[in-house]
C-alpha atoms as a PDB file:
ATOM      1  CA  UNK A   1     -80.431  46.905   8.131  1.00  0.00           C
ATOM      2  CA  UNK A   2     -81.605  44.088  10.195  1.00  0.00           C
ATOM      3  CA  UNK A   3     -79.401  41.616  12.066  1.00  0.00           C
ATOM      4  CA  UNK A   4     -80.209  38.803   9.643  1.00  0.00           C
ATOM      5  CA  UNK A   5     -78.964  40.863   6.665  1.00  0.00           C
ATOM      6  CA  UNK A   6     -75.666  41.699   8.433  1.00  0.00           C
ATOM      7  CA  UNK A   7     -75.074  38.016   9.260  1.00  0.00           C
ATOM      8  CA  UNK A   8     -75.811  36.986   5.685  1.00  0.00           C
ATOM      9  CA  UNK A   9     -73.349  39.590   4.315  1.00  0.00           C
ATOM     10  CA  UNK A  10     -70.594  38.361   6.646  1.00  0.00           C
ATOM     11  CA  UNK A  11     -71.048  34.807   5.404  1.00  0.00           C
ATOM     12  CA  UNK A  12     -70.998  35.928   1.786  1.00  0.00           C
ATOM     13  CA  UNK A  13     -68.160  38.418   2.265  1.00  0.00           C
ATOM     14  CA  UNK A  14     -65.259  35.904   2.096  1.00  0.00           C
ATOM     15  CA  UNK A  15     -62.505  34.947   4.498  1.00  0.00           C
ATOM     16  CA  UNK A  16     -61.780  36.375   7.898  1.00  0.00           C
ATOM     17  CA  UNK A  17     -58.392  37.833   8.762  1.00  0.00           C
ATOM     18  CA  UNK A  18     -57.590  34.852  10.976  1.00  0.00           C
ATOM     19  CA  UNK A  19     -58.169  32.437   8.083  1.00  0.00           C
ATOM     20  CA  UNK A  20     -55.935  34.485   5.799  1.00  0.00           C
ATOM     21  CA  UNK A  21     -53.146  34.531   8.407  1.00  0.00           C
ATOM     22  CA  UNK A  22     -53.405  30.765   8.930  1.00  0.00           C
ATOM     23  CA  UNK A  23     -53.198  30.133   5.166  1.00  0.00           C
ATOM     24  CA  UNK A  24     -50.235  32.486   4.896  1.00  0.00           C
ATOM     25  CA  UNK A  25     -48.483  30.656   7.760  1.00  0.00           C
ATOM     26  CA  UNK A  26     -48.949  27.253   6.064  1.00  0.00           C
ATOM     27  CA  UNK A  27     -47.660  28.716   2.786  1.00  0.00           C
ATOM     28  CA  UNK A  28     -44.567  30.181   4.471  1.00  0.00           C
ATOM     29  CA  UNK A  29     -43.750  26.893   6.228  1.00  0.00           C
ATOM     30  CA  UNK A  30     -43.909  25.124   2.865  1.00  0.00           C
ATOM     31  CA  UNK A  31     -41.695  27.717   1.165  1.00  0.00           C
ATOM     32  CA  UNK A  32     -39.123  27.531   3.984  1.00  0.00           C
ATOM     33  CA  UNK A  33     -39.058  23.739   3.687  1.00  0.00           C
ATOM     34  CA  UNK A  34     -38.410  23.958  -0.050  1.00  0.00           C
ATOM     35  CA  UNK A  35     -35.633  26.537   0.444  1.00  0.00           C
ATOM     36  CA  UNK A  36     -33.920  24.408   3.067  1.00  0.00           C
ATOM     37  CA  UNK A  37     -34.014  21.410   0.706  1.00  0.00           C
ATOM     38  CA  UNK A  38     -32.472  23.502  -2.066  1.00  0.00           C
ATOM     39  CA  UNK A  39     -29.642  24.773   0.138  1.00  0.00           C
ATOM     40  CA  UNK A  40     -28.923  21.263   1.453  1.00  0.00           C
ATOM     41  CA  UNK A  41     -28.882  19.915  -2.108  1.00  0.00           C
ATOM     42  CA  UNK A  42     -26.510  22.671  -3.233  1.00  0.00           C
ATOM     43  CA  UNK A  43     -24.179  21.970  -0.312  1.00  0.00           C
ATOM     44  CA  UNK A  44     -24.156  18.230  -1.052  1.00  0.00           C
ATOM     45  CA  UNK A  45     -23.479  18.921  -4.732  1.00  0.00           C
ATOM     46  CA  UNK A  46     -20.504  21.132  -3.828  1.00  0.00           C
ATOM     47  CA  UNK A  47     -19.123  18.452  -1.490  1.00  0.00           C
ATOM     48  CA  UNK A  48     -19.423  15.776  -4.165  1.00  0.00           C
ATOM     49  CA  UNK A  49     -17.655  18.009  -6.700  1.00  0.00           C
ATOM     50  CA  UNK A  50     -14.843  18.560  -4.190  1.00  0.00           C
ATOM     51  CA  UNK A  51     -14.493  14.834  -3.552  1.00  0.00           C
ATOM     52  CA  UNK A  52     -14.299  14.071  -7.289  1.00  0.00           C
ATOM     53  CA  UNK A  53     -11.646  16.754  -7.739  1.00  0.00           C
ATOM     54  CA  UNK A  54      -9.689  15.486  -4.714  1.00  0.00           C
ATOM     55  CA  UNK A  55      -9.839  11.888  -5.978  1.00  0.00           C
ATOM     56  CA  UNK A  56      -8.459  13.083  -9.307  1.00  0.00           C
ATOM     57  CA  UNK A  57      -5.711  15.035  -7.539  1.00  0.00           C
ATOM     58  CA  UNK A  58      -4.856  11.999  -5.372  1.00  0.00           C
ATOM     59  CA  UNK A  59      -4.265   9.914  -8.511  1.00  0.00           C
ATOM     60  CA  UNK A  60      -2.011  12.618  -9.966  1.00  0.00           C
ATOM     61  CA  UNK A  61      -0.143  13.097  -6.705  1.00  0.00           C
ATOM     62  CA  UNK A  62       0.485   9.357  -6.273  1.00  0.00           C
ATOM     63  CA  UNK A  63       2.249   9.318  -9.634  1.00  0.00           C
ATOM     64  CA  UNK A  64       4.190  12.491  -8.789  1.00  0.00           C
ATOM     65  CA  UNK A  65       5.271  11.091  -5.422  1.00  0.00           C
ATOM     66  CA  UNK A  66       6.368   7.784  -6.927  1.00  0.00           C
ATOM     67  CA  UNK A  67       8.496   9.741  -9.387  1.00  0.00           C
ATOM     68  CA  UNK A  68       9.861  11.948  -6.586  1.00  0.00           C
ATOM     69  CA  UNK A  69      10.663   8.925  -4.420  1.00  0.00           C
ATOM     70  CA  UNK A  70      12.630   7.301  -7.205  1.00  0.00           C
ATOM     71  CA  UNK A  71      14.637  10.486  -7.856  1.00  0.00           C
ATOM     72  CA  UNK A  72      15.131  11.597  -4.243  1.00  0.00           C
ATOM     73  CA  UNK A  73      18.126  10.181  -2.375  1.00  0.00           C
ATOM     74  CA  UNK A  74      17.437   8.009   0.628  1.00  0.00           C
ATOM     75  CA  UNK A  75      19.024   8.654   3.979  1.00  0.00           C
ATOM     76  CA  UNK A  76      21.754   6.097   4.812  1.00  0.00           C
ATOM     77  CA  UNK A  77      20.172   3.404   2.671  1.00  0.00           C
ATOM     78  CA  UNK A  78      16.752   3.959   4.262  1.00  0.00           C
ATOM     79  CA  UNK A  79      13.576   5.394   2.829  1.00  0.00           C
ATOM     80  CA  UNK A  80      13.568   8.504   0.630  1.00  0.00           C
ATOM     81  CA  UNK A  81      13.199  11.704   2.621  1.00  0.00           C
ATOM     82  CA  UNK A  82       9.919  13.546   2.035  1.00  0.00           C
ATOM     83  CA  UNK A  83       9.876  17.350   1.634  1.00  0.00           C
ATOM     84  CA  UNK A  84       9.042  19.351   4.740  1.00  0.00           C
ATOM     85  CA  UNK A  85       6.886  21.952   2.945  1.00  0.00           C
ATOM     86  CA  UNK A  86       3.694  21.424   0.922  1.00  0.00           C
ATOM     87  CA  UNK A  87       4.347  21.035  -2.811  1.00  0.00           C
ATOM     88  CA  UNK A  88       1.957  22.638  -5.326  1.00  0.00           C
ATOM     89  CA  UNK A  89       0.133  20.240  -7.649  1.00  0.00           C
ATOM     90  CA  UNK A  90       1.072  21.102 -11.254  1.00  0.00           C
ATOM     91  CA  UNK A  91      -1.887  22.542 -13.167  1.00  0.00           C
ATOM     92  CA  UNK A  92      -4.017  22.864 -10.018  1.00  0.00           C
ATOM     93  CA  UNK A  93      -3.405  26.285  -8.534  1.00  0.00           C
ATOM     94  CA  UNK A  94      -5.431  25.806  -5.337  1.00  0.00           C
ATOM     95  CA  UNK A  95      -4.079  22.335  -4.461  1.00  0.00           C
ATOM     96  CA  UNK A  96      -0.872  21.333  -2.680  1.00  0.00           C
ATOM     97  CA  UNK A  97       0.331  18.077  -1.165  1.00  0.00           C
ATOM     98  CA  UNK A  98       2.715  16.577   1.362  1.00  0.00           C
ATOM     99  CA  UNK A  99       3.839  12.978   1.543  1.00  0.00           C
ATOM    100  CA  UNK A 100       5.687  10.643   3.854  1.00  0.00           C
ATOM    101  CA  UNK A 101       6.782   7.055   3.470  1.00  0.00           C
ATOM    102  CA  UNK A 102       6.864   4.556   6.314  1.00  0.00           C
ATOM    103  CA  UNK A 103       7.871   0.946   6.814  1.00  0.00           C
ATOM    104  CA  UNK A 104       5.255  -1.532   7.899  1.00  0.00           C
ATOM    105  CA  UNK A 105       7.660  -4.487   7.988  1.00  0.00           C
ATOM    106  CA  UNK A 106      11.393  -4.731   7.362  1.00  0.00           C
ATOM    107  CA  UNK A 107      10.557  -5.771   3.783  1.00  0.00           C
ATOM    108  CA  UNK A 108       8.244  -4.103   1.268  1.00  0.00           C
ATOM    109  CA  UNK A 109       5.428  -3.084   1.008  1.00  0.00           C
ATOM    110  CA  UNK A 110       5.726   0.468   2.253  1.00  0.00           C
ATOM    111  CA  UNK A 111       2.913   2.795   3.245  1.00  0.00           C
ATOM    112  CA  UNK A 112       2.612   6.136   1.467  1.00  0.00           C
ATOM    113  CA  UNK A 113       0.757   8.801   3.444  1.00  0.00           C
ATOM    114  CA  UNK A 114      -0.567  11.731   1.412  1.00  0.00           C
ATOM    115  CA  UNK A 115      -2.091  14.984   2.586  1.00  0.00           C
ATOM    116  CA  UNK A 116      -3.924  17.042  -0.026  1.00  0.00           C
ATOM    117  CA  UNK A 117      -4.610  20.694   0.855  1.00  0.00           C
ATOM    118  CA  UNK A 118      -6.887  23.090  -1.025  1.00  0.00           C
ATOM    119  CA  UNK A 119      -8.713  26.345  -0.480  1.00  0.00           C
ATOM    120  CA  UNK A 120     -12.482  26.289  -0.511  1.00  0.00           C
ATOM    121  CA  UNK A 121     -13.567  29.886  -0.306  1.00  0.00           C
ATOM    122  CA  UNK A 122     -11.291  31.237   2.403  1.00  0.00           C
ATOM    123  CA  UNK A 123     -11.136  27.975   4.378  1.00  0.00           C
ATOM    124  CA  UNK A 124      -8.207  25.531   4.080  1.00  0.00           C
ATOM    125  CA  UNK A 125      -9.418  21.959   3.555  1.00  0.00           C
ATOM    126  CA  UNK A 126      -7.320  18.812   4.082  1.00  0.00           C
ATOM    127  CA  UNK A 127      -7.783  15.264   2.819  1.00  0.00           C
ATOM    128  CA  UNK A 128      -5.586  12.409   4.051  1.00  0.00           C
ATOM    129  CA  UNK A 129      -4.908   9.295   1.985  1.00  0.00           C
ATOM    130  CA  UNK A 130      -2.828   6.172   2.593  1.00  0.00           C
ATOM    131  CA  UNK A 131      -1.654   3.919  -0.224  1.00  0.00           C
ATOM    132  CA  UNK A 132       0.527   0.825  -0.458  1.00  0.00           C
ATOM    133  CA  UNK A 133       3.778   1.073  -2.417  1.00  0.00           C
ATOM    134  CA  UNK A 134       4.908  -2.509  -3.175  1.00  0.00           C
ATOM    135  CA  UNK A 135       8.596  -1.722  -3.868  1.00  0.00           C
ATOM    136  CA  UNK A 136      10.882   1.223  -4.328  1.00  0.00           C
ATOM    137  CA  UNK A 137      12.675   0.890  -7.653  1.00  0.00           C
ATOM    138  CA  UNK A 138      14.964   3.736  -8.707  1.00  0.00           C
ATOM    139  CA  UNK A 139      13.844   5.498 -11.886  1.00  0.00           C
ATOM    140  CA  UNK A 140      17.214   4.844 -13.611  1.00  0.00           C
ATOM    141  CA  UNK A 141      16.748   1.091 -13.142  1.00  0.00           C
ATOM    142  CA  UNK A 142      13.230   1.274 -14.609  1.00  0.00           C
ATOM    143  CA  UNK A 143      14.507   3.203 -17.642  1.00  0.00           C
ATOM    144  CA  UNK A 144      17.302   0.648 -18.139  1.00  0.00           C
ATOM    145  CA  UNK A 145      14.779  -2.192 -17.974  1.00  0.00           C
ATOM    146  CA  UNK A 146      12.599  -0.498 -20.562  1.00  0.00           C
ATOM    147  CA  UNK A 147      15.561   0.066 -22.888  1.00  0.00           C
ATOM    148  CA  UNK A 148      16.792  -3.508 -22.470  1.00  0.00           C
ATOM    149  CA  UNK A 149      13.283  -4.882 -22.960  1.00  0.00           C
ATOM    150  CA  UNK A 150      13.377  -7.002 -19.813  1.00  0.00           C
END
C-alpha cells in the first residue's frame, strides 16, 4: 500500500481515540450536572414538606398550649408554669413541643415561645416560634360565658 492510500483510510476510518475521550468527557459533565440538579431539587422538596408539616404542627400546638395555660395553675398569681420536659404532639409520633410564656409589659399581651422538635432520619430538628397571646382567660370562665350566651 502506498502512503496516499493509508492516509485516505485514516480519514475515512472514523474518530480518533482522543475525540472519543473528549466527547465522553463532555457527556459525563452534562450527566453530573443533571444529577446534581436532581439531588438539590429532592433536598429542597424534602425541606418544603418539613416546613409545611411544622407549620401544621405549630397551629395544633398553639391550641394545645392555650388549653394547657388555661388549665394549669399560675404561680402566686403570675403566669402559668410551663412543663420542663418536651410534650408529645397527639397524633404525631415524631413531634414534641415545649412552651414558655413571658410578659412583655405589666399588662397583656403576653409572648408565647414554642419549640417544636422532630426526628428527621436520625437527626433531631428544632423549630422555634413566637406568638402573641392577647389575654389569659381561664377555661372555666370561657365555658361559663358560652353557657350564659354572653
